[in-house]
Amino acid sequence: MVYALNVFNLLSSKEDDYREYSVKAGKIIYAKGGKVISSGWKPIRKLHGDIERKYMIVVKFPSEKIFQEFLDEAEAANIHHLRENATKDYIWTLYEPWDIKAWVKKN
């Protein structure tokens, strides 16, 4: 399992493009066994000196291979441009699960 963390800003004139991307990408994600597990907006605090990003999404994928299949299928379906044209300050990072409770108890 891997988690994709997405933080970004929407361009106000392109929100409909991002809605369309979200629907189309969501169909691919869920068909591959992935799931959107969290989303948020309107940050309460921002890091000092960082660019404020007003939106975030966390998506769980069964594996990095499935994540890559999602990217490839989204590319074949030609939907990436919807996201790219509708957002700015986009960061997309993959993480492995971390059992922080077990890690804290270690030693």
N, C-alpha and C. Protein backbone atom coordinates (compact mmCIF):
# COMPACT_ATOMS: atom_id res chain seq x y z
N MET A 1 0.84 -1.17 0.00
CA MET A 1 0.00 0.00 0.00
C MET A 1 0.89 1.24 0.00
N VAL A 2 0.45 2.29 -0.72
CA VAL A 2 1.12 3.58 -0.71
C VAL A 2 0.06 4.67 -0.61
N TYR A 3 0.49 5.82 -0.10
CA TYR A 3 -0.39 6.97 0.00
C TYR A 3 0.15 8.08 -0.90
N ALA A 4 -0.74 8.68 -1.68
CA ALA A 4 -0.38 9.84 -2.48
C ALA A 4 -0.95 11.07 -1.79
N LEU A 5 -0.07 11.97 -1.43
CA LEU A 5 -0.47 13.24 -0.82
C LEU A 5 -0.40 14.31 -1.91
N ASN A 6 -1.50 15.00 -2.11
CA ASN A 6 -1.58 16.08 -3.09
C ASN A 6 -1.94 17.36 -2.35
N VAL A 7 -1.13 18.39 -2.50
CA VAL A 7 -1.46 19.72 -1.98
C VAL A 7 -1.33 20.70 -3.14
N PHE A 8 -2.28 21.64 -3.24
CA PHE A 8 -2.31 22.47 -4.43
C PHE A 8 -3.26 23.65 -4.24
N ASN A 9 -3.23 24.52 -5.21
CA ASN A 9 -4.19 25.62 -5.32
C ASN A 9 -4.96 25.46 -6.62
N LEU A 10 -6.24 25.79 -6.57
CA LEU A 10 -7.07 25.78 -7.77
C LEU A 10 -7.07 27.16 -8.40
N LEU A 11 -7.09 27.19 -9.72
CA LEU A 11 -7.29 28.44 -10.44
C LEU A 11 -8.79 28.69 -10.51
N SER A 12 -9.23 29.83 -10.04
CA SER A 12 -10.68 30.07 -9.90
C SER A 12 -11.43 29.95 -11.22
N SER A 13 -10.82 30.28 -12.32
CA SER A 13 -11.51 30.20 -13.60
C SER A 13 -11.50 28.79 -14.19
N LYS A 14 -10.81 27.86 -13.52
CA LYS A 14 -10.66 26.50 -14.05
C LYS A 14 -11.22 25.42 -13.13
N GLU A 15 -12.04 25.82 -12.17
CA GLU A 15 -12.57 24.85 -11.21
C GLU A 15 -13.36 23.73 -11.87
N ASP A 16 -14.10 24.05 -12.93
CA ASP A 16 -14.87 23.01 -13.63
C ASP A 16 -13.95 21.97 -14.26
N ASP A 17 -12.77 22.39 -14.74
CA ASP A 17 -11.81 21.43 -15.28
C ASP A 17 -11.34 20.47 -14.19
N TYR A 18 -11.10 21.01 -12.99
CA TYR A 18 -10.64 20.14 -11.90
C TYR A 18 -11.76 19.20 -11.44
N ARG A 19 -12.99 19.68 -11.46
CA ARG A 19 -14.12 18.79 -11.13
C ARG A 19 -14.18 17.63 -12.12
N GLU A 20 -14.03 17.94 -13.40
CA GLU A 20 -14.05 16.89 -14.43
C GLU A 20 -12.89 15.92 -14.22
N TYR A 21 -11.70 16.45 -13.94
CA TYR A 21 -10.55 15.59 -13.66
C TYR A 21 -10.83 14.70 -12.45
N SER A 22 -11.39 15.26 -11.40
CA SER A 22 -11.65 14.49 -10.19
C SER A 22 -12.59 13.32 -10.45
N VAL A 23 -13.62 13.54 -11.24
CA VAL A 23 -14.56 12.47 -11.56
C VAL A 23 -13.87 11.39 -12.38
N LYS A 24 -13.17 11.79 -13.43
CA LYS A 24 -12.52 10.83 -14.32
C LYS A 24 -11.38 10.09 -13.61
N ALA A 25 -10.56 10.81 -12.86
CA ALA A 25 -9.47 10.17 -12.13
C ALA A 25 -10.02 9.26 -11.04
N GLY A 26 -11.08 9.70 -10.38
CA GLY A 26 -11.69 8.88 -9.33
C GLY A 26 -12.17 7.54 -9.85
N LYS A 27 -12.74 7.53 -11.03
CA LYS A 27 -13.20 6.26 -11.62
C LYS A 27 -12.03 5.31 -11.84
N ILE A 28 -10.91 5.85 -12.30
CA ILE A 28 -9.72 5.01 -12.50
C ILE A 28 -9.17 4.53 -11.16
N ILE A 29 -9.06 5.44 -10.21
CA ILE A 29 -8.52 5.11 -8.88
C ILE A 29 -9.34 4.00 -8.24
N TYR A 30 -10.65 4.16 -8.19
CA TYR A 30 -11.49 3.17 -7.52
C TYR A 30 -11.52 1.85 -8.28
N ALA A 31 -11.46 1.89 -9.62
CA ALA A 31 -11.43 0.66 -10.41
C ALA A 31 -10.17 -0.15 -10.15
N LYS A 32 -9.11 0.52 -9.72
CA LYS A 32 -7.83 -0.16 -9.45
C LYS A 32 -7.67 -0.51 -7.97
N GLY A 33 -8.71 -0.32 -7.19
CA GLY A 33 -8.65 -0.66 -5.77
C GLY A 33 -8.14 0.45 -4.89
N GLY A 34 -7.97 1.65 -5.45
CA GLY A 34 -7.55 2.79 -4.66
C GLY A 34 -8.74 3.46 -4.01
N LYS A 35 -8.45 4.43 -3.17
CA LYS A 35 -9.53 5.11 -2.46
C LYS A 35 -9.05 6.48 -1.98
N VAL A 36 -9.87 7.49 -2.17
CA VAL A 36 -9.60 8.80 -1.57
C VAL A 36 -9.95 8.67 -0.09
N ILE A 37 -8.95 8.86 0.77
CA ILE A 37 -9.20 8.65 2.19
C ILE A 37 -9.33 9.95 2.98
N SER A 38 -8.90 11.05 2.38
CA SER A 38 -9.05 12.33 3.06
C SER A 38 -8.93 13.46 2.05
N SER A 39 -9.64 14.52 2.33
CA SER A 39 -9.48 15.75 1.54
C SER A 39 -9.76 16.93 2.47
N GLY A 40 -9.16 18.04 2.15
CA GLY A 40 -9.35 19.21 2.98
C GLY A 40 -9.14 20.48 2.19
N TRP A 41 -9.62 21.58 2.76
CA TRP A 41 -9.45 22.89 2.14
C TRP A 41 -9.48 23.95 3.22
N LYS A 42 -9.23 25.14 2.83
CA LYS A 42 -9.21 26.28 3.74
C LYS A 42 -8.29 26.01 4.94
N PRO A 43 -6.98 25.98 4.69
CA PRO A 43 -6.05 25.67 5.77
C PRO A 43 -6.19 26.63 6.95
N ILE A 44 -6.03 26.08 8.11
CA ILE A 44 -6.16 26.85 9.34
C ILE A 44 -4.84 27.57 9.65
N ARG A 45 -3.74 26.91 9.32
CA ARG A 45 -2.41 27.50 9.53
C ARG A 45 -1.53 27.16 8.33
N LYS A 46 -0.56 27.99 8.07
CA LYS A 46 0.41 27.70 7.03
C LYS A 46 1.80 27.77 7.63
N LEU A 47 2.72 27.04 7.05
CA LEU A 47 4.10 27.08 7.51
C LEU A 47 4.71 28.43 7.18
N HIS A 48 5.49 28.92 8.09
CA HIS A 48 6.14 30.21 7.89
C HIS A 48 7.00 30.18 6.62
N GLY A 49 6.75 31.11 5.74
CA GLY A 49 7.56 31.23 4.53
C GLY A 49 7.16 30.31 3.40
N ASP A 50 6.27 29.37 3.63
CA ASP A 50 5.85 28.45 2.58
C ASP A 50 4.72 29.07 1.78
N ILE A 51 4.56 28.60 0.56
CA ILE A 51 3.42 29.00 -0.26
C ILE A 51 2.19 28.33 0.31
N GLU A 52 1.17 29.10 0.57
CA GLU A 52 -0.07 28.51 1.07
C GLU A 52 -0.72 27.70 -0.04
N ARG A 53 -1.06 26.48 0.26
CA ARG A 53 -1.82 25.63 -0.65
C ARG A 53 -3.16 25.38 0.02
N LYS A 54 -4.23 25.70 -0.68
CA LYS A 54 -5.55 25.72 -0.06
C LYS A 54 -6.30 24.39 -0.11
N TYR A 55 -5.77 23.42 -0.84
CA TYR A 55 -6.46 22.14 -0.99
C TYR A 55 -5.50 20.99 -0.76
N MET A 56 -6.02 19.89 -0.23
CA MET A 56 -5.21 18.69 -0.08
C MET A 56 -6.10 17.47 -0.25
N ILE A 57 -5.48 16.41 -0.80
CA ILE A 57 -6.16 15.13 -0.97
C ILE A 57 -5.14 14.04 -0.63
N VAL A 58 -5.59 13.01 0.06
CA VAL A 58 -4.77 11.82 0.30
C VAL A 58 -5.49 10.64 -0.34
N VAL A 59 -4.77 9.93 -1.21
CA VAL A 59 -5.33 8.78 -1.90
C VAL A 59 -4.50 7.55 -1.54
N LYS A 60 -5.20 6.47 -1.21
CA LYS A 60 -4.53 5.21 -0.87
C LYS A 60 -4.57 4.31 -2.11
N PHE A 61 -3.42 3.80 -2.50
CA PHE A 61 -3.30 2.85 -3.61
C PHE A 61 -2.80 1.52 -3.06
N PRO A 62 -3.24 0.39 -3.65
CA PRO A 62 -2.79 -0.92 -3.16
C PRO A 62 -1.27 -1.11 -3.24
N SER A 63 -0.60 -0.46 -4.21
CA SER A 63 0.85 -0.59 -4.35
C SER A 63 1.37 0.53 -5.24
N GLU A 64 2.68 0.67 -5.27
CA GLU A 64 3.28 1.66 -6.16
C GLU A 64 3.02 1.29 -7.62
N LYS A 65 2.99 -0.02 -7.90
CA LYS A 65 2.70 -0.50 -9.25
C LYS A 65 1.30 -0.04 -9.68
N ILE A 66 0.32 -0.16 -8.80
CA ILE A 66 -1.04 0.27 -9.12
C ILE A 66 -1.09 1.79 -9.29
N PHE A 67 -0.33 2.51 -8.48
CA PHE A 67 -0.24 3.96 -8.65
C PHE A 67 0.26 4.30 -10.05
N GLN A 68 1.32 3.60 -10.48
CA GLN A 68 1.86 3.84 -11.81
C GLN A 68 0.84 3.48 -12.89
N GLU A 69 0.09 2.40 -12.68
CA GLU A 69 -0.97 2.04 -13.63
C GLU A 69 -2.02 3.14 -13.71
N PHE A 70 -2.34 3.73 -12.57
CA PHE A 70 -3.27 4.87 -12.57
C PHE A 70 -2.73 6.00 -13.43
N LEU A 71 -1.46 6.36 -13.21
CA LEU A 71 -0.86 7.43 -14.00
C LEU A 71 -0.90 7.12 -15.49
N ASP A 72 -0.54 5.87 -15.83
CA ASP A 72 -0.51 5.47 -17.23
C ASP A 72 -1.91 5.50 -17.85
N GLU A 73 -2.90 5.00 -17.12
CA GLU A 73 -4.26 5.01 -17.64
C GLU A 73 -4.81 6.42 -17.77
N ALA A 74 -4.50 7.27 -16.80
CA ALA A 74 -4.92 8.67 -16.88
C ALA A 74 -4.26 9.36 -18.07
N GLU A 75 -3.01 9.03 -18.33
CA GLU A 75 -2.32 9.58 -19.50
C GLU A 75 -2.98 9.09 -20.79
N ALA A 76 -3.28 7.81 -20.88
CA ALA A 76 -3.93 7.26 -22.07
C ALA A 76 -5.31 7.87 -22.28
N ALA A 77 -6.00 8.18 -21.19
CA ALA A 77 -7.33 8.80 -21.27
C ALA A 77 -7.24 10.31 -21.49
N ASN A 78 -6.01 10.82 -21.50
CA ASN A 78 -5.76 12.24 -21.76
C ASN A 78 -6.50 13.16 -20.77
N ILE A 79 -6.39 12.84 -19.47
CA ILE A 79 -7.05 13.69 -18.47
C ILE A 79 -6.07 14.52 -17.64
N HIS A 80 -4.77 14.23 -17.72
CA HIS A 80 -3.81 14.98 -16.91
C HIS A 80 -3.88 16.48 -17.18
N HIS A 81 -4.14 16.86 -18.42
CA HIS A 81 -4.18 18.29 -18.74
C HIS A 81 -5.27 19.02 -17.96
N LEU A 82 -6.34 18.31 -17.60
CA LEU A 82 -7.40 18.95 -16.81
C LEU A 82 -6.86 19.40 -15.45
N ARG A 83 -6.07 18.53 -14.81
CA ARG A 83 -5.46 18.86 -13.52
C ARG A 83 -4.38 19.92 -13.69
N GLU A 84 -3.53 19.73 -14.68
CA GLU A 84 -2.41 20.64 -14.88
C GLU A 84 -2.86 22.05 -15.21
N ASN A 85 -3.94 22.17 -15.98
CA ASN A 85 -4.44 23.49 -16.37
C ASN A 85 -5.30 24.15 -15.30
N ALA A 86 -5.73 23.38 -14.31
CA ALA A 86 -6.66 23.91 -13.30
C ALA A 86 -6.00 24.18 -11.96
N THR A 87 -4.73 23.82 -11.82
CA THR A 87 -4.07 23.97 -10.53
C THR A 87 -2.74 24.69 -10.67
N LYS A 88 -2.24 25.14 -9.53
CA LYS A 88 -0.88 25.68 -9.46
C LYS A 88 -0.31 25.29 -8.10
N ASP A 89 0.99 25.45 -7.94
CA ASP A 89 1.67 25.12 -6.68
C ASP A 89 1.42 23.68 -6.28
N TYR A 90 1.35 22.78 -7.25
CA TYR A 90 0.95 21.39 -7.03
C TYR A 90 2.13 20.57 -6.54
N ILE A 91 1.92 19.84 -5.47
CA ILE A 91 2.90 18.88 -4.97
C ILE A 91 2.19 17.54 -4.85
N TRP A 92 2.80 16.51 -5.42
CA TRP A 92 2.23 15.16 -5.36
C TRP A 92 3.36 14.25 -4.91
N THR A 93 3.22 13.66 -3.75
CA THR A 93 4.27 12.84 -3.16
C THR A 93 3.71 11.50 -2.72
N LEU A 94 4.45 10.43 -2.96
CA LEU A 94 4.04 9.09 -2.50
C LEU A 94 4.74 8.75 -1.19
N TYR A 95 3.98 8.11 -0.31
CA TYR A 95 4.52 7.67 0.98
C TYR A 95 4.17 6.22 1.22
N GLU A 96 5.09 5.51 1.85
CA GLU A 96 4.80 4.18 2.37
C GLU A 96 4.08 4.33 3.70
N PRO A 97 3.26 3.36 4.09
CA PRO A 97 2.62 3.44 5.41
C PRO A 97 3.68 3.45 6.52
N TRP A 98 3.39 4.15 7.57
CA TRP A 98 4.29 4.24 8.72
C TRP A 98 3.47 3.99 9.97
N ASP A 99 3.81 2.94 10.67
CA ASP A 99 3.15 2.65 11.94
C ASP A 99 3.86 3.46 13.02
N ILE A 100 3.43 4.68 13.18
CA ILE A 100 4.11 5.59 14.11
C ILE A 100 4.00 5.10 15.55
N LYS A 101 2.91 4.44 15.88
CA LYS A 101 2.74 3.93 17.23
C LYS A 101 3.83 2.90 17.56
N ALA A 102 4.07 1.97 16.64
CA ALA A 102 5.12 0.97 16.83
C ALA A 102 6.50 1.63 16.84
N TRP A 103 6.67 2.63 16.00
CA TRP A 103 7.95 3.33 15.92
C TRP A 103 8.27 4.06 17.22
N VAL A 104 7.26 4.71 17.80
CA VAL A 104 7.45 5.43 19.05
C VAL A 104 7.81 4.48 20.18
N LYS A 105 7.17 3.31 20.20
CA LYS A 105 7.40 2.35 21.27
C LYS A 105 8.75 1.66 21.15
N LYS A 106 9.37 1.68 19.99
CA LYS A 106 10.64 1.00 19.76
C LYS A 106 11.70 1.66 20.63
N ASN A 107 12.44 0.85 21.36
CA ASN A 107 13.51 1.27 22.26
C ASN A 107 12.92 1.89 23.47
